[in-house]
N, C-alpha and C. Protein backbone atom coordinates (compact mmCIF):
# COMPACT_ATOMS: atom_id res chain seq x y z
N MET A 1 -16.43 66.80 -48.54
CA MET A 1 -15.13 66.14 -48.69
C MET A 1 -15.11 64.84 -47.90
N THR A 2 -14.72 63.76 -48.51
CA THR A 2 -14.76 62.45 -47.87
C THR A 2 -13.51 62.22 -47.02
N THR A 3 -13.62 61.20 -46.16
CA THR A 3 -12.47 60.83 -45.35
C THR A 3 -11.31 60.39 -46.22
N GLU A 4 -11.61 59.71 -47.33
CA GLU A 4 -10.56 59.25 -48.22
C GLU A 4 -9.79 60.42 -48.83
N THR A 5 -10.52 61.54 -49.12
CA THR A 5 -9.87 62.71 -49.68
C THR A 5 -8.94 63.35 -48.66
N LEU A 6 -9.36 63.35 -47.40
CA LEU A 6 -8.58 63.96 -46.34
C LEU A 6 -7.40 63.11 -45.90
N SER A 7 -7.43 61.83 -46.19
CA SER A 7 -6.40 60.94 -45.68
C SER A 7 -5.02 61.31 -46.23
N LEU A 8 -4.02 61.06 -45.41
CA LEU A 8 -2.65 61.43 -45.73
C LEU A 8 -1.97 60.38 -46.59
N ASP A 9 -1.35 60.83 -47.69
CA ASP A 9 -0.50 59.94 -48.49
C ASP A 9 0.93 60.15 -48.01
N ALA A 10 1.39 59.26 -47.15
CA ALA A 10 2.70 59.42 -46.51
C ALA A 10 3.81 58.71 -47.25
N SER A 11 3.56 58.25 -48.44
CA SER A 11 4.56 57.45 -49.16
C SER A 11 5.82 58.25 -49.45
N THR A 12 5.73 59.58 -49.51
CA THR A 12 6.90 60.39 -49.81
C THR A 12 7.83 60.51 -48.60
N ILE A 13 7.35 60.16 -47.41
CA ILE A 13 8.18 60.28 -46.21
C ILE A 13 9.25 59.20 -46.19
N ASP A 14 8.81 57.96 -46.25
CA ASP A 14 9.77 56.84 -46.23
C ASP A 14 9.22 55.65 -47.00
N GLY A 15 8.51 55.94 -48.08
CA GLY A 15 7.95 54.88 -48.90
C GLY A 15 9.01 53.95 -49.46
N SER A 16 10.18 54.50 -49.82
CA SER A 16 11.24 53.65 -50.37
C SER A 16 11.77 52.69 -49.31
N TRP A 17 11.82 53.15 -48.05
CA TRP A 17 12.25 52.27 -46.97
C TRP A 17 11.24 51.14 -46.77
N TYR A 18 9.96 51.51 -46.89
CA TYR A 18 8.91 50.49 -46.76
C TYR A 18 9.08 49.41 -47.83
N VAL A 19 9.30 49.83 -49.06
CA VAL A 19 9.49 48.87 -50.16
C VAL A 19 10.73 48.02 -49.92
N ASP A 20 11.79 48.66 -49.44
CA ASP A 20 13.02 47.91 -49.14
C ASP A 20 12.76 46.84 -48.06
N MET A 21 11.95 47.19 -47.07
CA MET A 21 11.65 46.25 -46.01
C MET A 21 10.85 45.06 -46.54
N THR A 22 9.88 45.33 -47.40
CA THR A 22 9.09 44.23 -47.95
C THR A 22 9.94 43.35 -48.86
N ARG A 23 10.91 43.95 -49.53
CA ARG A 23 11.84 43.13 -50.34
C ARG A 23 12.70 42.26 -49.44
N PHE A 24 13.12 42.82 -48.32
CA PHE A 24 13.89 42.05 -47.34
C PHE A 24 13.06 40.87 -46.84
N ALA A 25 11.78 41.10 -46.60
CA ALA A 25 10.89 40.02 -46.16
C ALA A 25 10.77 38.95 -47.24
N ARG A 26 10.68 39.38 -48.48
CA ARG A 26 10.59 38.42 -49.59
C ARG A 26 11.85 37.57 -49.69
N ASP A 27 12.98 38.18 -49.38
CA ASP A 27 14.26 37.49 -49.52
C ASP A 27 14.66 36.68 -48.29
N THR A 28 13.86 36.73 -47.24
CA THR A 28 14.15 35.97 -46.01
C THR A 28 12.93 35.11 -45.65
N PRO A 29 12.59 34.15 -46.49
CA PRO A 29 11.39 33.34 -46.24
C PRO A 29 11.43 32.57 -44.94
N TRP A 30 12.63 32.26 -44.44
CA TRP A 30 12.76 31.53 -43.18
C TRP A 30 12.28 32.36 -41.98
N LEU A 31 12.22 33.68 -42.18
CA LEU A 31 11.80 34.57 -41.09
C LEU A 31 10.32 34.96 -41.21
N ASN A 32 9.69 34.62 -42.32
CA ASN A 32 8.31 35.05 -42.57
C ASN A 32 7.33 34.57 -41.50
N THR A 33 7.37 33.28 -41.21
CA THR A 33 6.41 32.72 -40.24
C THR A 33 6.61 33.28 -38.83
N PRO A 34 7.86 33.32 -38.31
CA PRO A 34 8.04 33.90 -36.97
C PRO A 34 7.57 35.35 -36.87
N MET A 35 7.88 36.16 -37.87
CA MET A 35 7.48 37.57 -37.82
C MET A 35 5.97 37.73 -37.96
N SER A 36 5.36 36.91 -38.79
CA SER A 36 3.90 36.96 -38.93
C SER A 36 3.22 36.56 -37.64
N ALA A 37 3.75 35.52 -36.99
CA ALA A 37 3.14 35.01 -35.75
C ALA A 37 3.37 35.95 -34.58
N TYR A 38 4.44 36.73 -34.63
CA TYR A 38 4.79 37.55 -33.47
C TYR A 38 3.76 38.63 -33.17
N GLY A 39 3.00 39.05 -34.18
CA GLY A 39 1.94 40.01 -33.93
C GLY A 39 0.95 39.52 -32.90
N THR A 40 0.76 38.20 -32.83
CA THR A 40 -0.12 37.60 -31.82
C THR A 40 0.68 37.07 -30.63
N VAL A 41 1.74 36.33 -30.93
CA VAL A 41 2.54 35.73 -29.87
C VAL A 41 3.17 36.79 -28.98
N GLY A 42 3.54 37.91 -29.58
CA GLY A 42 4.17 38.98 -28.81
C GLY A 42 3.25 39.50 -27.71
N PHE A 43 1.97 39.62 -28.00
CA PHE A 43 1.04 40.06 -26.97
C PHE A 43 0.92 39.02 -25.87
N GLY A 44 0.99 37.75 -26.25
CA GLY A 44 0.98 36.69 -25.24
C GLY A 44 2.18 36.78 -24.33
N LEU A 45 3.32 37.17 -24.90
CA LEU A 45 4.53 37.35 -24.11
C LEU A 45 4.34 38.46 -23.09
N PHE A 46 3.64 39.51 -23.47
CA PHE A 46 3.39 40.61 -22.54
C PHE A 46 2.43 40.19 -21.42
N VAL A 47 1.53 39.27 -21.71
CA VAL A 47 0.69 38.73 -20.63
C VAL A 47 1.58 38.04 -19.60
N VAL A 48 2.58 37.31 -20.09
CA VAL A 48 3.53 36.64 -19.18
C VAL A 48 4.28 37.69 -18.36
N PHE A 49 4.73 38.76 -19.00
CA PHE A 49 5.43 39.83 -18.28
C PHE A 49 4.53 40.42 -17.18
N ILE A 50 3.26 40.62 -17.50
CA ILE A 50 2.33 41.19 -16.52
C ILE A 50 2.18 40.27 -15.32
N VAL A 51 2.05 38.99 -15.57
CA VAL A 51 1.91 38.02 -14.47
C VAL A 51 3.18 38.00 -13.62
N ILE A 52 4.34 38.04 -14.26
CA ILE A 52 5.60 38.06 -13.51
C ILE A 52 5.69 39.33 -12.67
N GLY A 53 5.31 40.46 -13.27
CA GLY A 53 5.34 41.72 -12.53
C GLY A 53 4.42 41.70 -11.33
N TRP A 54 3.22 41.13 -11.51
CA TRP A 54 2.28 41.02 -10.39
C TRP A 54 2.86 40.14 -9.29
N TRP A 55 3.48 39.03 -9.66
CA TRP A 55 4.03 38.12 -8.65
C TRP A 55 5.18 38.79 -7.88
N MET A 56 6.02 39.51 -8.59
CA MET A 56 7.11 40.23 -7.94
C MET A 56 6.57 41.30 -6.99
N ALA A 57 5.52 41.99 -7.41
CA ALA A 57 4.96 43.08 -6.60
C ALA A 57 4.32 42.57 -5.32
N ARG A 58 3.86 41.32 -5.31
CA ARG A 58 3.26 40.77 -4.09
C ARG A 58 4.24 40.76 -2.92
N GLY A 59 5.51 40.69 -3.20
CA GLY A 59 6.52 40.67 -2.16
C GLY A 59 7.03 42.06 -1.80
N ARG A 60 6.42 43.07 -2.37
CA ARG A 60 6.87 44.44 -2.10
C ARG A 60 5.74 45.25 -1.48
N ASP A 61 5.67 46.54 -1.77
CA ASP A 61 4.67 47.39 -1.11
C ASP A 61 3.48 47.66 -2.03
N ALA A 62 2.53 48.45 -1.51
CA ALA A 62 1.30 48.73 -2.26
C ALA A 62 1.58 49.53 -3.52
N ALA A 63 2.58 50.41 -3.50
CA ALA A 63 2.90 51.20 -4.69
C ALA A 63 3.39 50.29 -5.82
N ALA A 64 4.20 49.30 -5.45
CA ALA A 64 4.68 48.36 -6.47
C ALA A 64 3.53 47.55 -7.05
N MET A 65 2.61 47.12 -6.18
CA MET A 65 1.46 46.37 -6.67
C MET A 65 0.58 47.23 -7.56
N THR A 66 0.41 48.48 -7.21
CA THR A 66 -0.37 49.39 -8.05
C THR A 66 0.27 49.53 -9.42
N SER A 67 1.60 49.64 -9.45
CA SER A 67 2.30 49.74 -10.73
C SER A 67 2.09 48.48 -11.57
N ALA A 68 2.12 47.33 -10.91
CA ALA A 68 1.91 46.07 -11.64
C ALA A 68 0.49 45.98 -12.19
N LEU A 69 -0.49 46.35 -11.39
CA LEU A 69 -1.89 46.29 -11.83
C LEU A 69 -2.19 47.35 -12.88
N ALA A 70 -1.37 48.40 -12.92
CA ALA A 70 -1.61 49.48 -13.87
C ALA A 70 -1.26 49.09 -15.30
N VAL A 71 -0.41 48.08 -15.47
CA VAL A 71 0.10 47.76 -16.81
C VAL A 71 -1.02 47.46 -17.81
N PRO A 72 -1.97 46.56 -17.51
CA PRO A 72 -3.04 46.34 -18.49
C PRO A 72 -3.94 47.55 -18.68
N VAL A 73 -4.11 48.36 -17.63
CA VAL A 73 -4.90 49.59 -17.76
C VAL A 73 -4.19 50.55 -18.71
N VAL A 74 -2.88 50.66 -18.56
CA VAL A 74 -2.08 51.51 -19.44
C VAL A 74 -2.24 51.07 -20.89
N ALA A 75 -2.29 49.77 -21.12
CA ALA A 75 -2.45 49.26 -22.49
C ALA A 75 -3.76 49.76 -23.10
N VAL A 76 -4.82 49.73 -22.31
CA VAL A 76 -6.13 50.19 -22.81
C VAL A 76 -6.09 51.69 -23.08
N VAL A 77 -5.52 52.45 -22.16
CA VAL A 77 -5.43 53.90 -22.34
C VAL A 77 -4.63 54.23 -23.60
N ALA A 78 -3.50 53.56 -23.78
CA ALA A 78 -2.67 53.81 -24.96
C ALA A 78 -3.42 53.49 -26.25
N TYR A 79 -4.17 52.40 -26.24
CA TYR A 79 -4.94 52.02 -27.43
C TYR A 79 -6.00 53.08 -27.76
N VAL A 80 -6.69 53.58 -26.75
CA VAL A 80 -7.74 54.58 -26.97
C VAL A 80 -7.13 55.88 -27.49
N VAL A 81 -6.05 56.33 -26.88
CA VAL A 81 -5.39 57.56 -27.32
C VAL A 81 -4.91 57.41 -28.76
N ASN A 82 -4.28 56.29 -29.06
CA ASN A 82 -3.75 56.10 -30.41
C ASN A 82 -4.86 55.97 -31.45
N SER A 83 -5.95 55.35 -31.07
CA SER A 83 -7.07 55.24 -32.02
C SER A 83 -7.60 56.61 -32.39
N ALA A 84 -7.60 57.53 -31.42
CA ALA A 84 -8.03 58.90 -31.71
C ALA A 84 -7.06 59.59 -32.66
N ILE A 85 -5.76 59.39 -32.43
CA ILE A 85 -4.76 59.97 -33.32
C ILE A 85 -4.91 59.43 -34.74
N LYS A 86 -5.13 58.14 -34.85
CA LYS A 86 -5.28 57.51 -36.18
C LYS A 86 -6.46 58.11 -36.94
N LEU A 87 -7.55 58.37 -36.23
CA LEU A 87 -8.72 58.94 -36.88
C LEU A 87 -8.48 60.37 -37.35
N VAL A 88 -7.70 61.13 -36.58
CA VAL A 88 -7.41 62.51 -36.95
C VAL A 88 -6.48 62.57 -38.15
N VAL A 89 -5.41 61.77 -38.11
CA VAL A 89 -4.42 61.80 -39.20
C VAL A 89 -4.94 61.10 -40.45
N ALA A 90 -5.63 59.98 -40.26
CA ALA A 90 -6.25 59.23 -41.37
C ALA A 90 -5.25 58.88 -42.47
N GLU A 91 -4.11 58.33 -42.07
CA GLU A 91 -3.11 57.92 -43.05
C GLU A 91 -3.45 56.53 -43.60
N ARG A 92 -3.55 56.44 -44.92
CA ARG A 92 -3.85 55.15 -45.52
C ARG A 92 -2.71 54.16 -45.32
N ARG A 93 -3.08 52.89 -45.27
CA ARG A 93 -2.08 51.83 -45.15
C ARG A 93 -1.18 51.83 -46.38
N PRO A 94 0.09 51.53 -46.19
CA PRO A 94 1.03 51.54 -47.33
C PRO A 94 0.70 50.52 -48.41
N CYS A 95 -0.03 49.49 -48.06
CA CYS A 95 -0.38 48.48 -49.05
C CYS A 95 -1.26 49.05 -50.16
N TYR A 96 -1.96 50.17 -49.92
CA TYR A 96 -2.76 50.80 -50.96
C TYR A 96 -1.88 51.63 -51.90
N ARG A 97 -0.81 52.18 -51.35
CA ARG A 97 0.12 52.97 -52.18
C ARG A 97 1.06 52.05 -52.96
N PHE A 98 1.38 50.89 -52.38
CA PHE A 98 2.30 49.95 -53.02
C PHE A 98 1.63 48.58 -53.11
N PRO A 99 0.65 48.44 -53.98
CA PRO A 99 -0.14 47.20 -54.05
C PRO A 99 0.65 45.98 -54.51
N THR A 100 1.81 46.19 -55.14
CA THR A 100 2.58 45.04 -55.61
C THR A 100 3.68 44.64 -54.61
N ALA A 101 3.73 45.33 -53.47
CA ALA A 101 4.75 44.99 -52.47
C ALA A 101 4.49 43.60 -51.90
N PHE A 102 5.54 42.98 -51.40
CA PHE A 102 5.44 41.66 -50.79
C PHE A 102 4.85 41.81 -49.39
N LEU A 103 3.64 41.29 -49.18
CA LEU A 103 2.93 41.45 -47.91
C LEU A 103 2.73 40.10 -47.25
N LEU A 104 2.91 40.08 -45.95
CA LEU A 104 2.65 38.86 -45.17
C LEU A 104 1.33 38.94 -44.43
N GLU A 105 0.68 40.10 -44.48
CA GLU A 105 -0.66 40.27 -43.92
C GLU A 105 -1.58 40.83 -44.98
N LYS A 106 -2.83 40.44 -44.91
CA LYS A 106 -3.82 40.96 -45.83
C LYS A 106 -3.98 42.46 -45.64
N CYS A 107 -4.12 43.18 -46.73
CA CYS A 107 -4.29 44.63 -46.65
C CYS A 107 -5.59 44.96 -45.93
N PRO A 108 -5.54 45.75 -44.84
CA PRO A 108 -6.75 46.05 -44.07
C PRO A 108 -7.73 46.92 -44.85
N ALA A 109 -8.92 47.07 -44.28
CA ALA A 109 -9.93 47.93 -44.89
C ALA A 109 -9.45 49.37 -44.90
N LEU A 110 -10.02 50.20 -45.77
CA LEU A 110 -9.60 51.59 -45.91
C LEU A 110 -9.69 52.36 -44.60
N GLY A 111 -10.70 52.05 -43.79
CA GLY A 111 -10.89 52.77 -42.54
C GLY A 111 -9.95 52.36 -41.43
N ASP A 112 -9.12 51.35 -41.68
CA ASP A 112 -8.13 50.91 -40.69
C ASP A 112 -6.83 51.63 -41.00
N TYR A 113 -6.66 52.78 -40.36
CA TYR A 113 -5.54 53.66 -40.71
C TYR A 113 -4.21 53.18 -40.15
N SER A 114 -3.14 53.82 -40.61
CA SER A 114 -1.79 53.30 -40.41
C SER A 114 -0.97 54.02 -39.34
N PHE A 115 -1.21 55.31 -39.15
CA PHE A 115 -0.34 56.14 -38.31
C PHE A 115 -1.04 56.55 -37.02
N PRO A 116 -0.38 56.27 -35.87
CA PRO A 116 0.78 55.42 -35.62
C PRO A 116 0.36 53.95 -35.51
N SER A 117 1.34 53.06 -35.43
CA SER A 117 1.07 51.63 -35.33
C SER A 117 0.48 51.28 -33.96
N ASN A 118 -0.75 50.73 -33.95
CA ASN A 118 -1.39 50.36 -32.68
C ASN A 118 -0.57 49.32 -31.92
N HIS A 119 -0.10 48.30 -32.61
CA HIS A 119 0.68 47.26 -31.94
C HIS A 119 1.88 47.87 -31.22
N THR A 120 2.58 48.77 -31.91
CA THR A 120 3.78 49.37 -31.34
C THR A 120 3.44 50.26 -30.15
N VAL A 121 2.41 51.07 -30.28
CA VAL A 121 2.01 51.95 -29.18
C VAL A 121 1.69 51.16 -27.93
N VAL A 122 0.88 50.13 -28.06
CA VAL A 122 0.41 49.38 -26.89
C VAL A 122 1.55 48.65 -26.20
N VAL A 123 2.42 47.99 -26.95
CA VAL A 123 3.49 47.23 -26.30
C VAL A 123 4.54 48.14 -25.67
N PHE A 124 4.83 49.27 -26.30
CA PHE A 124 5.80 50.19 -25.68
C PHE A 124 5.21 50.86 -24.45
N ALA A 125 3.92 51.13 -24.45
CA ALA A 125 3.28 51.67 -23.26
C ALA A 125 3.37 50.68 -22.10
N MET A 126 3.11 49.41 -22.38
CA MET A 126 3.22 48.39 -21.34
C MET A 126 4.65 48.22 -20.87
N ALA A 127 5.61 48.27 -21.80
CA ALA A 127 7.01 48.10 -21.43
C ALA A 127 7.47 49.21 -20.49
N VAL A 128 7.08 50.45 -20.79
CA VAL A 128 7.45 51.56 -19.92
C VAL A 128 6.80 51.41 -18.55
N ALA A 129 5.54 50.98 -18.53
CA ALA A 129 4.85 50.76 -17.25
C ALA A 129 5.52 49.65 -16.45
N LEU A 130 6.01 48.63 -17.13
CA LEU A 130 6.70 47.52 -16.45
C LEU A 130 8.03 47.96 -15.86
N LEU A 131 8.64 49.00 -16.43
CA LEU A 131 9.89 49.52 -15.86
C LEU A 131 9.67 50.04 -14.44
N LEU A 132 8.45 50.51 -14.15
CA LEU A 132 8.14 51.01 -12.81
C LEU A 132 7.94 49.87 -11.82
N VAL A 133 7.76 48.67 -12.33
CA VAL A 133 7.63 47.49 -11.46
C VAL A 133 9.00 46.88 -11.22
N SER A 134 9.76 46.70 -12.29
CA SER A 134 11.09 46.10 -12.21
C SER A 134 11.90 46.56 -13.41
N ARG A 135 13.09 47.10 -13.15
CA ARG A 135 13.92 47.57 -14.26
C ARG A 135 14.29 46.42 -15.19
N ALA A 136 14.67 45.29 -14.62
CA ALA A 136 15.07 44.15 -15.44
C ALA A 136 13.90 43.66 -16.30
N LEU A 137 12.72 43.54 -15.68
CA LEU A 137 11.54 43.09 -16.42
C LEU A 137 11.17 44.09 -17.50
N GLY A 138 11.29 45.38 -17.18
CA GLY A 138 10.97 46.41 -18.16
C GLY A 138 11.91 46.40 -19.34
N ILE A 139 13.19 46.11 -19.09
CA ILE A 139 14.16 46.05 -20.20
C ILE A 139 13.83 44.89 -21.14
N TRP A 140 13.51 43.72 -20.56
CA TRP A 140 13.09 42.60 -21.41
C TRP A 140 11.84 42.95 -22.20
N ALA A 141 10.92 43.67 -21.56
CA ALA A 141 9.69 44.08 -22.25
C ALA A 141 10.00 45.07 -23.37
N LEU A 142 10.95 45.96 -23.16
CA LEU A 142 11.33 46.91 -24.21
C LEU A 142 11.93 46.18 -25.41
N ILE A 143 12.73 45.15 -25.15
CA ILE A 143 13.29 44.36 -26.25
C ILE A 143 12.18 43.68 -27.04
N ALA A 144 11.22 43.10 -26.30
CA ALA A 144 10.08 42.45 -26.96
C ALA A 144 9.26 43.46 -27.75
N ALA A 145 9.13 44.67 -27.22
CA ALA A 145 8.38 45.72 -27.91
C ALA A 145 9.10 46.14 -29.20
N ALA A 146 10.43 46.23 -29.14
CA ALA A 146 11.20 46.60 -30.33
C ALA A 146 11.02 45.55 -31.43
N VAL A 147 11.01 44.27 -31.05
CA VAL A 147 10.77 43.21 -32.04
C VAL A 147 9.38 43.36 -32.65
N MET A 148 8.40 43.74 -31.81
CA MET A 148 7.04 43.94 -32.32
C MET A 148 7.03 45.05 -33.36
N GLY A 149 7.69 46.17 -33.05
CA GLY A 149 7.73 47.27 -34.01
C GLY A 149 8.36 46.86 -35.32
N PHE A 150 9.47 46.13 -35.24
CA PHE A 150 10.13 45.64 -36.45
C PHE A 150 9.21 44.71 -37.24
N SER A 151 8.50 43.85 -36.53
CA SER A 151 7.64 42.88 -37.22
C SER A 151 6.52 43.56 -37.99
N ARG A 152 6.04 44.73 -37.50
CA ARG A 152 4.95 45.42 -38.19
C ARG A 152 5.41 46.00 -39.52
N MET A 153 6.68 46.37 -39.58
CA MET A 153 7.23 46.81 -40.87
C MET A 153 7.53 45.61 -41.76
N TYR A 154 8.07 44.57 -41.16
CA TYR A 154 8.48 43.38 -41.91
C TYR A 154 7.30 42.75 -42.64
N VAL A 155 6.14 42.68 -41.99
CA VAL A 155 4.99 42.04 -42.62
C VAL A 155 4.28 42.95 -43.62
N GLY A 156 4.74 44.21 -43.70
CA GLY A 156 4.17 45.14 -44.66
C GLY A 156 2.96 45.90 -44.16
N ALA A 157 2.72 45.89 -42.86
CA ALA A 157 1.52 46.54 -42.31
C ALA A 157 1.70 48.04 -42.12
N HIS A 158 2.97 48.49 -41.94
CA HIS A 158 3.21 49.89 -41.60
C HIS A 158 4.46 50.44 -42.26
N TYR A 159 4.43 51.77 -42.48
CA TYR A 159 5.64 52.50 -42.84
C TYR A 159 6.57 52.56 -41.63
N PRO A 160 7.87 52.76 -41.83
CA PRO A 160 8.77 52.96 -40.68
C PRO A 160 8.36 54.12 -39.78
N HIS A 161 7.86 55.23 -40.37
CA HIS A 161 7.49 56.36 -39.52
C HIS A 161 6.26 56.06 -38.67
N ASP A 162 5.42 55.13 -39.11
CA ASP A 162 4.28 54.71 -38.28
C ASP A 162 4.78 54.05 -36.99
N VAL A 163 5.82 53.24 -37.15
CA VAL A 163 6.38 52.53 -35.99
C VAL A 163 7.15 53.50 -35.09
N ALA A 164 7.92 54.41 -35.70
CA ALA A 164 8.66 55.39 -34.91
C ALA A 164 7.71 56.25 -34.08
N ALA A 165 6.63 56.69 -34.70
CA ALA A 165 5.64 57.48 -33.97
C ALA A 165 4.97 56.62 -32.90
N GLY A 166 4.77 55.34 -33.20
CA GLY A 166 4.17 54.44 -32.22
C GLY A 166 5.03 54.30 -30.98
N VAL A 167 6.36 54.25 -31.17
CA VAL A 167 7.28 54.19 -30.02
C VAL A 167 7.12 55.45 -29.17
N LEU A 168 7.10 56.62 -29.82
CA LEU A 168 6.99 57.89 -29.11
C LEU A 168 5.68 58.00 -28.35
N VAL A 169 4.58 57.71 -29.01
CA VAL A 169 3.28 57.79 -28.35
C VAL A 169 3.18 56.78 -27.21
N GLY A 170 3.65 55.57 -27.45
CA GLY A 170 3.59 54.54 -26.42
C GLY A 170 4.38 54.90 -25.18
N VAL A 171 5.59 55.43 -25.38
CA VAL A 171 6.44 55.80 -24.24
C VAL A 171 5.81 56.94 -23.45
N ILE A 172 5.32 57.96 -24.14
CA ILE A 172 4.75 59.12 -23.45
C ILE A 172 3.48 58.73 -22.70
N VAL A 173 2.55 58.08 -23.40
CA VAL A 173 1.29 57.70 -22.76
C VAL A 173 1.54 56.68 -21.65
N GLY A 174 2.40 55.71 -21.93
CA GLY A 174 2.68 54.68 -20.93
C GLY A 174 3.26 55.25 -19.66
N TYR A 175 4.21 56.17 -19.80
CA TYR A 175 4.86 56.74 -18.62
C TYR A 175 3.88 57.55 -17.78
N PHE A 176 3.20 58.50 -18.42
CA PHE A 176 2.32 59.38 -17.65
C PHE A 176 1.11 58.64 -17.08
N ALA A 177 0.56 57.70 -17.84
CA ALA A 177 -0.58 56.94 -17.33
C ALA A 177 -0.16 56.09 -16.14
N ALA A 178 1.02 55.46 -16.23
CA ALA A 178 1.49 54.61 -15.13
C ALA A 178 1.78 55.44 -13.88
N ILE A 179 2.41 56.60 -14.07
CA ILE A 179 2.73 57.47 -12.93
C ILE A 179 1.45 57.95 -12.24
N LEU A 180 0.47 58.38 -13.03
CA LEU A 180 -0.77 58.89 -12.45
C LEU A 180 -1.54 57.78 -11.74
N LEU A 181 -1.56 56.61 -12.33
CA LEU A 181 -2.27 55.50 -11.69
C LEU A 181 -1.59 55.11 -10.38
N ARG A 182 -0.28 55.08 -10.38
CA ARG A 182 0.43 54.73 -9.14
C ARG A 182 0.16 55.77 -8.05
N ARG A 183 0.10 57.02 -8.46
CA ARG A 183 -0.10 58.09 -7.47
C ARG A 183 -1.50 58.06 -6.87
N PHE A 184 -2.51 57.88 -7.73
CA PHE A 184 -3.89 58.04 -7.26
C PHE A 184 -4.57 56.73 -6.91
N ALA A 185 -4.06 55.60 -7.39
CA ALA A 185 -4.72 54.32 -7.11
C ALA A 185 -4.08 53.54 -5.97
N THR A 186 -2.91 53.97 -5.52
CA THR A 186 -2.24 53.24 -4.43
C THR A 186 -3.09 53.17 -3.16
N PRO A 187 -3.76 54.27 -2.75
CA PRO A 187 -4.62 54.16 -1.55
C PRO A 187 -5.70 53.10 -1.69
N LEU A 188 -6.24 52.94 -2.90
CA LEU A 188 -7.25 51.91 -3.12
C LEU A 188 -6.65 50.52 -2.94
N VAL A 189 -5.45 50.32 -3.44
CA VAL A 189 -4.78 49.02 -3.28
C VAL A 189 -4.51 48.75 -1.81
N VAL A 190 -4.16 49.78 -1.06
CA VAL A 190 -3.94 49.62 0.39
C VAL A 190 -5.21 49.15 1.07
N ARG A 191 -6.34 49.76 0.72
CA ARG A 191 -7.62 49.36 1.33
C ARG A 191 -8.00 47.94 0.93
N LEU A 192 -7.80 47.62 -0.33
CA LEU A 192 -8.15 46.28 -0.80
C LEU A 192 -7.25 45.20 -0.18
N SER A 193 -6.05 45.61 0.22
CA SER A 193 -5.14 44.66 0.85
C SER A 193 -5.62 44.21 2.23
N ALA A 194 -6.61 44.93 2.77
CA ALA A 194 -7.21 44.53 4.05
C ALA A 194 -8.51 43.76 3.84
N SER A 195 -8.84 43.47 2.59
CA SER A 195 -10.07 42.78 2.25
C SER A 195 -9.76 41.32 1.92
N PRO A 196 -10.78 40.54 1.55
CA PRO A 196 -10.53 39.14 1.14
C PRO A 196 -9.62 39.02 -0.08
N LEU A 197 -9.36 40.14 -0.78
CA LEU A 197 -8.46 40.12 -1.93
C LEU A 197 -6.99 40.18 -1.53
N ARG A 198 -6.72 40.26 -0.24
CA ARG A 198 -5.35 40.42 0.26
C ARG A 198 -4.35 39.43 -0.34
N PRO A 199 -4.66 38.13 -0.44
CA PRO A 199 -3.67 37.19 -1.00
C PRO A 199 -3.25 37.51 -2.43
N LEU A 200 -4.13 38.21 -3.16
CA LEU A 200 -3.79 38.58 -4.53
C LEU A 200 -2.91 39.83 -4.60
N LEU A 201 -2.90 40.60 -3.52
CA LEU A 201 -2.24 41.90 -3.55
C LEU A 201 -0.95 41.96 -2.75
N THR A 202 -0.76 41.05 -1.83
CA THR A 202 0.46 41.06 -1.03
C THR A 202 0.76 39.68 -0.47
N ALA A 203 2.05 39.40 -0.35
CA ALA A 203 2.47 38.14 0.26
C ALA A 203 2.79 38.32 1.74
N ALA A 204 2.68 39.56 2.22
CA ALA A 204 2.97 39.82 3.64
C ALA A 204 1.91 39.20 4.51
N PRO A 205 2.30 38.65 5.65
CA PRO A 205 1.31 38.05 6.56
C PRO A 205 0.37 39.12 7.11
N ARG A 206 -0.88 38.72 7.36
CA ARG A 206 -1.86 39.64 7.93
C ARG A 206 -1.46 39.99 9.36
N PRO A 207 -1.50 41.27 9.75
CA PRO A 207 -1.17 41.64 11.11
C PRO A 207 -2.07 40.93 12.10
N SER A 208 -1.48 40.45 13.22
CA SER A 208 -2.25 39.72 14.21
C SER A 208 -3.19 40.65 14.98
N ALA A 209 -4.43 40.19 15.14
CA ALA A 209 -5.42 40.99 15.88
C ALA A 209 -5.09 41.04 17.36
N ASP A 210 -4.21 40.14 17.84
CA ASP A 210 -3.86 40.11 19.25
C ASP A 210 -2.81 41.12 19.63
N ARG A 211 -2.17 41.70 18.58
CA ARG A 211 -1.13 42.65 18.90
C ARG A 211 -1.72 43.96 19.43
N ILE A 212 -1.05 44.53 20.39
CA ILE A 212 -1.53 45.80 20.98
C ILE A 212 -0.68 46.93 20.44
C-alpha cells in the first residue's frame, strides 16, 4: 500500500469553507499581495520579536534571558514535532482535491502534507514562548501568529482545520518546550553570564573583584 493510498482526504471536514476562503481571496485582489508576502514577512517579524525579547531580558534575571534564548529553540522543536505529525497523518494538500480553486501559492508536491500547518505551528509556539519573556510582547506575537494562520488559508495552502490544529500543536509544544528549557537551561545561562559572553546575556554590571 502506497503513501498516497494511506493519505487522508479531509475535504469532507471543511472543504466547503476552504473553497469559500479561496473565493474570498479571488474577490479581494487588493489583499492578495500582502497575504502572499506575509508567509515570509511574518517570520521576519518574529525575528524582530526575538531580538526585542532578548534586549528586554538583558535588564532582568537569568531566567528571563533563558526564556528569551529559548524562543528560536522552541521554533525548531515545534517544527520537528509537527513534521512527524504530518508524516503520520499524510493529509493531501487541498489544492489536489480542489484543483480549480483560486490559489495564490503553487500547489506543493504530493509529499508536502497539509495537516497541521507548519507555518501556524511554528509561529504560535514562538508566540507562547515570548509570553514567558513579556506579556505585552507575547500578545503582539499572538496577533501576528493569528494573521499568519489566516494567511495560510487565504492563499489556499491549507484547510481551516489544518490551521486550527496548528494553533493547538503550537501552543502545547511551545508552552512545554519553553517551560522545560527555562527550568533546565537557566543554570547554564548563569554560568555563561560570568564568561566573556556576559554582555550578551545581562546588562548588570560585573561584580567588583575588590568587594569582600
